[in-house]
Protein backbone atom coordinates (compact mmCIF):
# COMPACT_ATOMS: atom_id res chain seq x y z
CA MET A 1 -31.77 22.17 -3.56
CA THR A 2 -28.89 20.43 -1.63
CA ASP A 3 -25.25 21.20 -3.04
CA THR A 4 -24.39 17.29 -1.85
CA ALA A 5 -20.60 18.70 -1.73
CA CYS A 6 -20.96 21.21 0.99
CA GLY A 7 -24.39 20.06 2.19
CA ARG A 8 -25.56 23.91 2.27
CA GLU A 9 -28.91 24.71 0.21
CA GLY A 10 -29.01 26.57 -2.50
CA ARG A 11 -25.39 27.36 -3.36
CA GLY A 12 -25.41 25.44 -6.88
CA PHE A 13 -21.83 24.78 -6.97
CA CYS A 14 -22.23 20.72 -7.51
CA LEU A 15 -23.94 21.57 -10.87
CA SER A 16 -20.43 21.74 -12.70
CA LEU A 17 -19.83 18.25 -10.78
CA SER A 18 -21.79 16.91 -13.46
CA MET A 19 -19.19 16.67 -16.21
CA ALA A 20 -17.08 13.86 -15.90
CA PRO A 21 -13.24 14.42 -16.41
CA ASP A 22 -12.78 11.60 -17.97
CA GLU A 23 -14.53 13.86 -20.72
CA VAL A 24 -12.65 17.22 -20.36
CA PHE A 25 -9.02 15.81 -20.25
CA GLY A 26 -9.29 12.98 -22.83
CA LEU A 27 -8.47 9.67 -20.52
CA GLU A 28 -9.73 7.08 -22.98
CA PRO A 29 -6.79 4.93 -23.96
CA ALA A 30 -5.64 4.73 -27.40
CA SER A 31 -6.75 1.39 -29.25
CA ARG A 32 -5.37 -0.16 -32.20
CA PRO A 33 -7.14 -1.59 -35.40
CA GLY A 34 -6.93 -4.89 -34.06
CA GLY A 35 -8.50 -3.84 -30.64
CA GLY A 36 -4.84 -4.14 -28.85
CA THR A 37 -4.03 -1.23 -27.09
CA ASP A 38 -1.10 0.82 -28.13
CA ALA A 39 1.51 1.37 -25.15
CA VAL A 40 2.71 3.97 -26.54
CA ALA A 41 0.00 6.19 -27.47
CA ALA A 42 -2.21 4.93 -23.92
CA LEU A 43 0.47 6.66 -22.15
CA GLU A 44 1.21 9.90 -24.07
CA ARG A 45 -2.65 10.45 -23.64
CA HIS A 46 -2.40 10.07 -20.05
CA LEU A 47 0.42 12.22 -19.74
CA ALA A 48 -1.21 14.84 -22.02
CA ALA A 49 -4.14 14.65 -19.44
CA GLN A 50 -2.39 15.47 -16.13
CA GLU A 51 -0.56 17.85 -18.06
CA ALA A 52 -3.80 19.54 -19.02
CA LEU A 53 -5.37 18.94 -15.25
CA SER A 54 -1.90 20.04 -13.91
CA SER A 55 -2.27 23.73 -16.56
CA LYS A 56 -5.53 24.40 -15.52
CA LEU A 57 -4.30 23.81 -11.60
CA GLY A 58 -1.59 26.14 -12.40
CA LEU A 59 -4.23 28.87 -14.12
CA PHE A 60 -6.09 28.56 -11.28
CA ALA A 61 -3.66 29.26 -8.88
CA ASP A 62 -2.26 32.46 -10.90
CA ARG A 63 -6.03 33.60 -10.53
CA LEU A 64 -6.47 34.09 -6.64
CA PRO A 65 -7.53 35.56 -4.90
CA ASP A 66 -9.31 37.93 -7.10
CA ALA A 67 -10.83 35.47 -9.76
CA PHE A 68 -11.84 32.51 -6.86
CA ASP A 69 -14.70 30.47 -8.77
CA GLY A 70 -16.30 28.26 -6.55
CA PRO A 71 -17.52 26.09 -9.20
CA GLU A 72 -14.65 25.63 -11.16
CA CYS A 73 -12.75 24.87 -8.26
CA LEU A 74 -15.42 21.90 -7.27
CA TYR A 75 -15.26 21.17 -10.25
CA LEU A 76 -10.91 20.90 -10.65
CA ALA A 77 -11.52 19.41 -7.39
CA ARG A 78 -13.73 16.17 -8.98
CA SER A 79 -10.82 16.07 -11.69
CA ILE A 80 -7.84 15.65 -9.65
CA TYR A 81 -7.87 12.26 -8.47
CA PRO A 82 -9.67 10.52 -11.23
CA ALA A 83 -7.13 11.94 -13.72
CA LEU A 84 -4.37 10.47 -11.55
CA GLN A 85 -5.61 7.35 -10.56
CA LYS A 86 -6.71 6.53 -13.99
CA ALA A 87 -2.97 6.71 -15.28
CA HIS A 88 -1.34 5.28 -11.97
CA ALA A 89 -3.62 2.09 -13.03
CA PHE A 90 -2.55 1.96 -16.44
CA GLU A 91 0.99 2.18 -15.81
CA GLU A 92 1.23 -0.37 -12.37
CA ALA A 93 -1.18 -3.31 -14.26
CA GLU A 94 -0.47 -2.64 -17.68
CA LEU A 95 2.63 -0.27 -18.45
CA PHE A 96 5.48 -1.43 -15.83
CA PRO A 97 4.70 -5.54 -16.17
CA LEU A 98 5.00 -5.32 -19.74
CA LEU A 99 8.32 -3.16 -19.39
CA ARG A 100 9.42 -6.10 -16.50
CA ARG A 101 9.06 -8.53 -18.75
CA ASN A 102 10.85 -6.80 -21.65
CA SER A 103 13.34 -5.41 -19.68
CA ALA A 104 14.39 -8.06 -17.35
CA GLU A 105 17.67 -7.75 -17.67
CA ARG A 106 17.91 -4.43 -16.48
CA ALA A 107 18.21 -4.34 -12.40
CA ASP A 108 18.08 -0.79 -12.58
CA LEU A 109 14.72 -0.21 -14.38
CA SER A 110 13.06 -2.94 -11.68
CA LEU A 111 14.15 -0.02 -8.97
CA THR A 112 12.98 2.87 -11.27
CA LEU A 113 9.72 1.06 -11.82
CA ASP A 114 9.51 0.66 -8.09
CA ARG A 115 10.41 4.16 -7.77
CA LEU A 116 7.93 5.22 -10.27
CA THR A 117 5.07 3.24 -7.74
CA PHE A 118 5.92 4.98 -4.66
CA GLU A 119 5.72 8.53 -6.30
CA HIS A 120 2.29 7.13 -7.83
CA PHE A 121 1.29 6.48 -3.71
CA GLU A 122 2.93 10.23 -2.53
CA ASP A 123 0.90 11.86 -5.50
CA GLU A 124 -2.33 10.15 -4.83
CA THR A 125 -2.03 11.05 -1.06
CA PHE A 126 -1.72 14.61 -1.71
CA ALA A 127 -4.13 15.00 -4.47
CA GLU A 128 -6.20 14.29 -1.92
CA GLU A 129 -5.27 16.12 0.70
CA LEU A 130 -5.81 19.01 -1.86
CA VAL A 131 -9.30 18.06 -3.08
CA ASP A 132 -10.58 18.28 0.70
CA THR A 133 -8.59 21.94 0.96
CA LEU A 134 -10.14 22.87 -1.92
CA VAL A 135 -13.58 21.51 -0.98
CA ASP A 136 -13.05 23.01 2.08
CA HIS A 137 -12.58 26.48 0.59
CA VAL A 138 -15.54 26.47 -1.18
CA CYS A 139 -17.79 25.23 1.43
CA GLY A 140 -16.89 27.48 3.85
CA ARG A 141 -15.29 24.80 6.17
CA MET A 142 -11.95 26.34 6.79
CA PRO A 143 -10.93 30.32 6.65
CA THR A 144 -10.11 31.13 3.08
CA ARG A 145 -5.83 31.70 3.40
CA PHE A 146 -5.65 32.03 -0.61
CA ALA A 147 -1.80 32.09 -0.13
CA MET A 148 -1.83 28.73 1.13
CA LEU A 149 -4.49 27.13 -1.49
CA ARG A 150 -2.20 28.94 -4.25
CA THR A 151 1.14 27.29 -2.71
CA MET A 152 -0.42 23.79 -2.18
CA LEU A 153 -1.74 24.17 -6.23
CA ARG A 154 1.64 25.35 -6.93
CA SER A 155 3.58 22.26 -5.38
CA PHE A 156 1.22 19.66 -6.62
CA CYS A 157 1.83 21.03 -10.45
CA GLU A 158 5.48 21.38 -9.62
CA GLY A 159 5.55 17.48 -8.08
CA ILE A 160 3.69 16.19 -11.18
CA SER A 161 5.15 17.66 -13.51
CA ARG A 162 8.48 16.50 -12.34
CA HIS A 163 6.84 12.80 -12.36
CA LEU A 164 5.25 13.28 -16.35
CA ALA A 165 8.58 14.53 -17.65
CA PHE A 166 10.99 11.94 -15.58
CA GLU A 167 7.59 9.51 -18.11
CA ARG A 168 8.37 10.83 -21.23
CA ALA A 169 11.55 11.20 -21.01
CA HIS A 170 12.24 7.70 -19.93
CA LEU A 171 9.39 5.53 -20.48
CA VAL A 172 8.45 6.78 -23.51
CA PRO A 173 11.11 6.30 -25.62
CA MET A 174 11.72 2.80 -23.38
CA LEU A 175 8.09 1.68 -25.09
CA ARG A 176 8.71 3.15 -28.39
CA GLN A 177 11.72 0.35 -28.93
CA LEU A 178 9.67 -2.02 -27.53
CA GLU A 179 7.17 -1.17 -30.25
CA ASN A 180 9.65 -1.36 -33.02
CA ALA A 181 10.81 -4.36 -32.00
CA GLY A 182 6.92 -5.78 -31.72
CA HIS A 183 6.89 -6.30 -27.76
CA ALA A 184 4.70 -3.66 -27.33
């Protein structure tokens, strides 16, 4: 059997890659009975999914190097980008336009949403680097430097945590206000 992530015979690491990250991290948006999307509930689910992933990455980093688990590492690597990309796509395609339409008089909001969009790009770029590094460690394509891997994981988690805290503190209340006014 060839391991598709590593290109090695018989390692079997990719068995853990058969599970969809969406199933583990709960990325399905919440729906209203009428079929529409509840923006607050959908954002909360995306935030919770990213927080769960960040927590798993942090725990994985804390166990290095003593309990390095190749299949878990590959599973986490496979989960990172989809979790971020789904959340960012939702925010940029649905949430940010909703906020812009209903808060056009707030120039500061437009700047904030532009900044968050740029942070999404930065987070996704870092996620790609992290995924490559995790896969390379498991597949033996680079020397195992657990201190570097631990630092990358913690830095990624810290950046994501700050971003999520900002969205929770600022976007969720704005959305609740719009929802209460019947705009969301």
